[in-house]
Amino acid sequence: MQKLSFAEAIETIRTEDSRYAEDAYYFLREALDFSLKLFKKPSHGAVKDRHVTGQELVQGIGQFALQQYGPLAKTVLEYWGITRCEDFGEIVFNMIHAGLLGKTEKDRKEDFSGGYNFDDMFVKPFLPSKKVAARTPRPPARKEKPRETV
């Protein structure tokens, strides 16, 4: 049996589960590489040394999304069908079942639950602080003309 390319594997995944956009899978693959570096998992040595936990991956994905998309991170993820951390787990396990990623006996979809609230992670960092309250500028004071007396 011939091994599928990444693109072919994603196409196969999406015929069975169309909840997530194709770009979400490419993003997740890049976010995994980012997370491996973030958590200093060596690129040399055994494959098991390069493993990140679900919670590490969730944190890495969040930081990677902020780095890549800034204030648009939540919008981009939602456009791809990702609205909560559990969606990252669904994508990861789709990739595992397709043979694109490996897992240990301890890895479960539930590891991706409760990572963070998307508003807290992707919106709050870009809101103005409360100390810098928006003020409506006052119109300039009108100078009154002196009244003429009769």
Protein backbone atom coordinates (compact mmCIF):
# COMPACT_ATOMS: atom_id res chain seq x y z
CA MET A 1 0.00 0.00 0.00
CA GLN A 2 1.36 3.38 -1.00
CA LYS A 3 1.69 5.96 1.74
CA LEU A 4 -0.47 9.04 1.20
CA SER A 5 1.04 12.51 1.05
CA PHE A 6 -0.01 14.96 3.74
CA ALA A 7 -2.39 16.69 1.33
CA GLU A 8 -3.96 13.39 0.25
CA ALA A 9 -4.35 12.27 3.86
CA ILE A 10 -6.11 15.55 4.75
CA GLU A 11 -8.41 15.16 1.76
CA THR A 12 -9.29 11.64 2.96
CA ILE A 13 -9.87 12.88 6.51
CA ARG A 14 -12.15 15.66 5.27
CA THR A 15 -14.31 13.27 3.25
CA GLU A 16 -15.07 11.48 6.53
CA ASP A 17 -15.14 14.54 8.82
CA SER A 18 -15.78 17.89 7.13
CA ARG A 19 -16.13 19.94 10.33
CA TYR A 20 -12.73 21.58 9.93
CA ALA A 21 -11.22 23.42 6.98
CA GLU A 22 -8.19 22.01 5.20
CA ASP A 23 -6.10 24.96 6.43
CA ALA A 24 -6.83 23.97 10.03
CA TYR A 25 -4.82 20.78 9.52
CA TYR A 26 -1.86 22.60 7.98
CA PHE A 27 -2.00 25.14 10.81
CA LEU A 28 -2.07 22.38 13.41
CA ARG A 29 0.97 20.69 11.87
CA GLU A 30 2.90 23.98 12.06
CA ALA A 31 1.62 24.61 15.60
CA LEU A 32 2.91 21.18 16.61
CA ASP A 33 6.40 22.05 15.35
CA PHE A 34 6.17 25.37 17.20
CA SER A 35 5.08 23.56 20.39
CA LEU A 36 7.94 21.07 20.16
CA LYS A 37 10.39 23.99 20.07
CA LEU A 38 8.48 25.91 22.74
CA PHE A 39 8.67 23.01 25.16
CA LYS A 40 12.23 22.22 24.04
CA LYS A 41 11.55 18.74 22.74
CA PRO A 42 14.75 17.66 20.94
CA SER A 43 14.61 17.12 17.21
CA HIS A 44 17.24 14.41 17.43
CA GLY A 45 16.89 11.10 19.21
CA ALA A 46 13.92 8.85 19.55
CA VAL A 47 10.50 9.90 18.31
CA LYS A 48 9.05 9.48 21.80
CA ASP A 49 11.37 12.27 23.00
CA ARG A 50 9.56 14.66 20.66
CA HIS A 51 6.14 14.05 22.16
CA VAL A 52 4.09 16.88 23.64
CA THR A 53 1.07 16.32 25.83
CA GLY A 54 -2.38 17.48 24.82
CA GLN A 55 -2.25 20.37 27.28
CA GLU A 56 1.21 21.43 26.08
CA LEU A 57 -0.06 21.35 22.51
CA VAL A 58 -3.13 23.42 23.43
CA GLN A 59 -0.88 26.08 24.97
CA GLY A 60 1.50 25.98 22.03
CA ILE A 61 -1.35 26.27 19.54
CA GLY A 62 -2.68 29.32 21.37
CA GLN A 63 0.70 31.05 21.37
CA PHE A 64 1.32 30.12 17.74
CA ALA A 65 -2.09 31.44 16.67
CA LEU A 66 -1.42 34.75 18.45
CA GLN A 67 2.01 34.98 16.83
CA GLN A 68 0.67 34.22 13.36
CA TYR A 69 -2.64 36.09 13.36
CA GLY A 70 -2.55 38.56 16.26
CA PRO A 71 -5.96 40.10 16.94
CA LEU A 72 -7.49 38.04 14.12
CA ALA A 73 -6.55 34.68 15.68
CA LYS A 74 -10.02 33.89 17.03
CA THR A 75 -11.66 34.92 13.76
CA VAL A 76 -9.32 32.77 11.67
CA LEU A 77 -9.79 29.73 13.92
CA GLU A 78 -13.57 30.13 13.86
CA TYR A 79 -13.50 30.42 10.06
CA TRP A 80 -11.78 27.02 10.01
CA GLY A 81 -14.46 25.56 12.33
CA ILE A 82 -12.40 25.72 15.53
CA THR A 83 -14.29 27.33 18.42
CA ARG A 84 -12.88 25.59 21.50
CA CYS A 85 -9.79 23.66 22.61
CA GLU A 86 -11.62 20.35 22.20
CA ASP A 87 -11.64 21.02 18.45
CA PHE A 88 -7.83 20.85 18.48
CA GLY A 89 -8.14 17.37 19.99
CA GLU A 90 -10.59 16.31 17.28
CA ILE A 91 -8.18 17.47 14.58
CA VAL A 92 -5.19 15.81 16.25
CA PHE A 93 -7.02 12.50 16.59
CA ASN A 94 -8.20 12.70 12.97
CA MET A 95 -4.53 13.07 12.04
CA ILE A 96 -3.53 10.19 14.32
CA HIS A 97 -6.12 7.88 12.75
CA ALA A 98 -4.82 8.84 9.30
CA GLY A 99 -1.28 7.94 10.36
CA LEU A 100 0.00 11.53 10.20
CA LEU A 101 0.77 11.77 13.92
CA GLY A 102 1.69 9.30 16.60
CA LYS A 103 0.39 8.94 20.13
CA THR A 104 1.24 7.24 23.38
CA GLU A 105 -1.04 4.99 25.39
CA LYS A 106 -1.72 7.91 27.73
CA ASP A 107 -2.94 10.30 25.02
CA ARG A 108 -6.70 10.92 24.89
CA LYS A 109 -9.01 13.43 23.24
CA GLU A 110 -10.01 14.56 26.72
CA ASP A 111 -6.47 15.93 27.20
CA PHE A 112 -7.56 18.88 25.07
CA SER A 113 -10.55 19.76 27.27
CA GLY A 114 -10.61 22.90 29.34
CA GLY A 115 -7.46 24.45 27.93
CA TYR A 116 -8.66 28.05 27.80
CA ASN A 117 -11.55 30.24 26.84
CA PHE A 118 -11.05 31.59 23.32
CA ASP A 119 -12.08 35.13 24.30
CA ASP A 120 -9.58 35.13 27.17
CA MET A 121 -6.79 33.81 24.97
CA PHE A 122 -7.40 35.58 21.68
CA VAL A 123 -9.45 38.70 22.39
CA LYS A 124 -8.52 40.05 25.84
CA PRO A 125 -4.83 40.65 25.03
CA PHE A 126 -5.91 43.19 22.42
CA LEU A 127 -8.49 45.10 24.44
CA PRO A 128 -7.49 48.50 25.79
CA SER A 129 -6.57 48.48 29.44
CA LYS A 130 -9.03 50.01 31.89
CA LYS A 131 -6.48 52.67 32.86
CA VAL A 132 -6.66 54.13 29.38
CA ALA A 133 -10.37 54.80 29.32
CA ALA A 134 -11.71 56.23 26.14
CA ARG A 135 -12.82 59.80 26.63
CA THR A 136 -15.02 61.82 24.39
CA PRO A 137 -13.25 65.05 23.55
CA ARG A 138 -15.00 68.18 24.66
CA PRO A 139 -15.90 70.72 22.03
CA PRO A 140 -13.86 73.90 22.28
CA ALA A 141 -15.34 76.55 24.54
CA ARG A 142 -17.31 79.18 22.69
CA LYS A 143 -16.31 82.74 23.14
CA GLU A 144 -19.31 84.88 23.76
CA LYS A 145 -19.58 88.24 22.11
CA PRO A 146 -19.96 91.11 24.51
CA ARG A 147 -23.53 92.30 24.76
CA GLU A 148 -24.30 95.74 23.57
CA THR A 149 -26.14 97.91 25.97
CA VAL A 150 -28.76 100.41 24.86
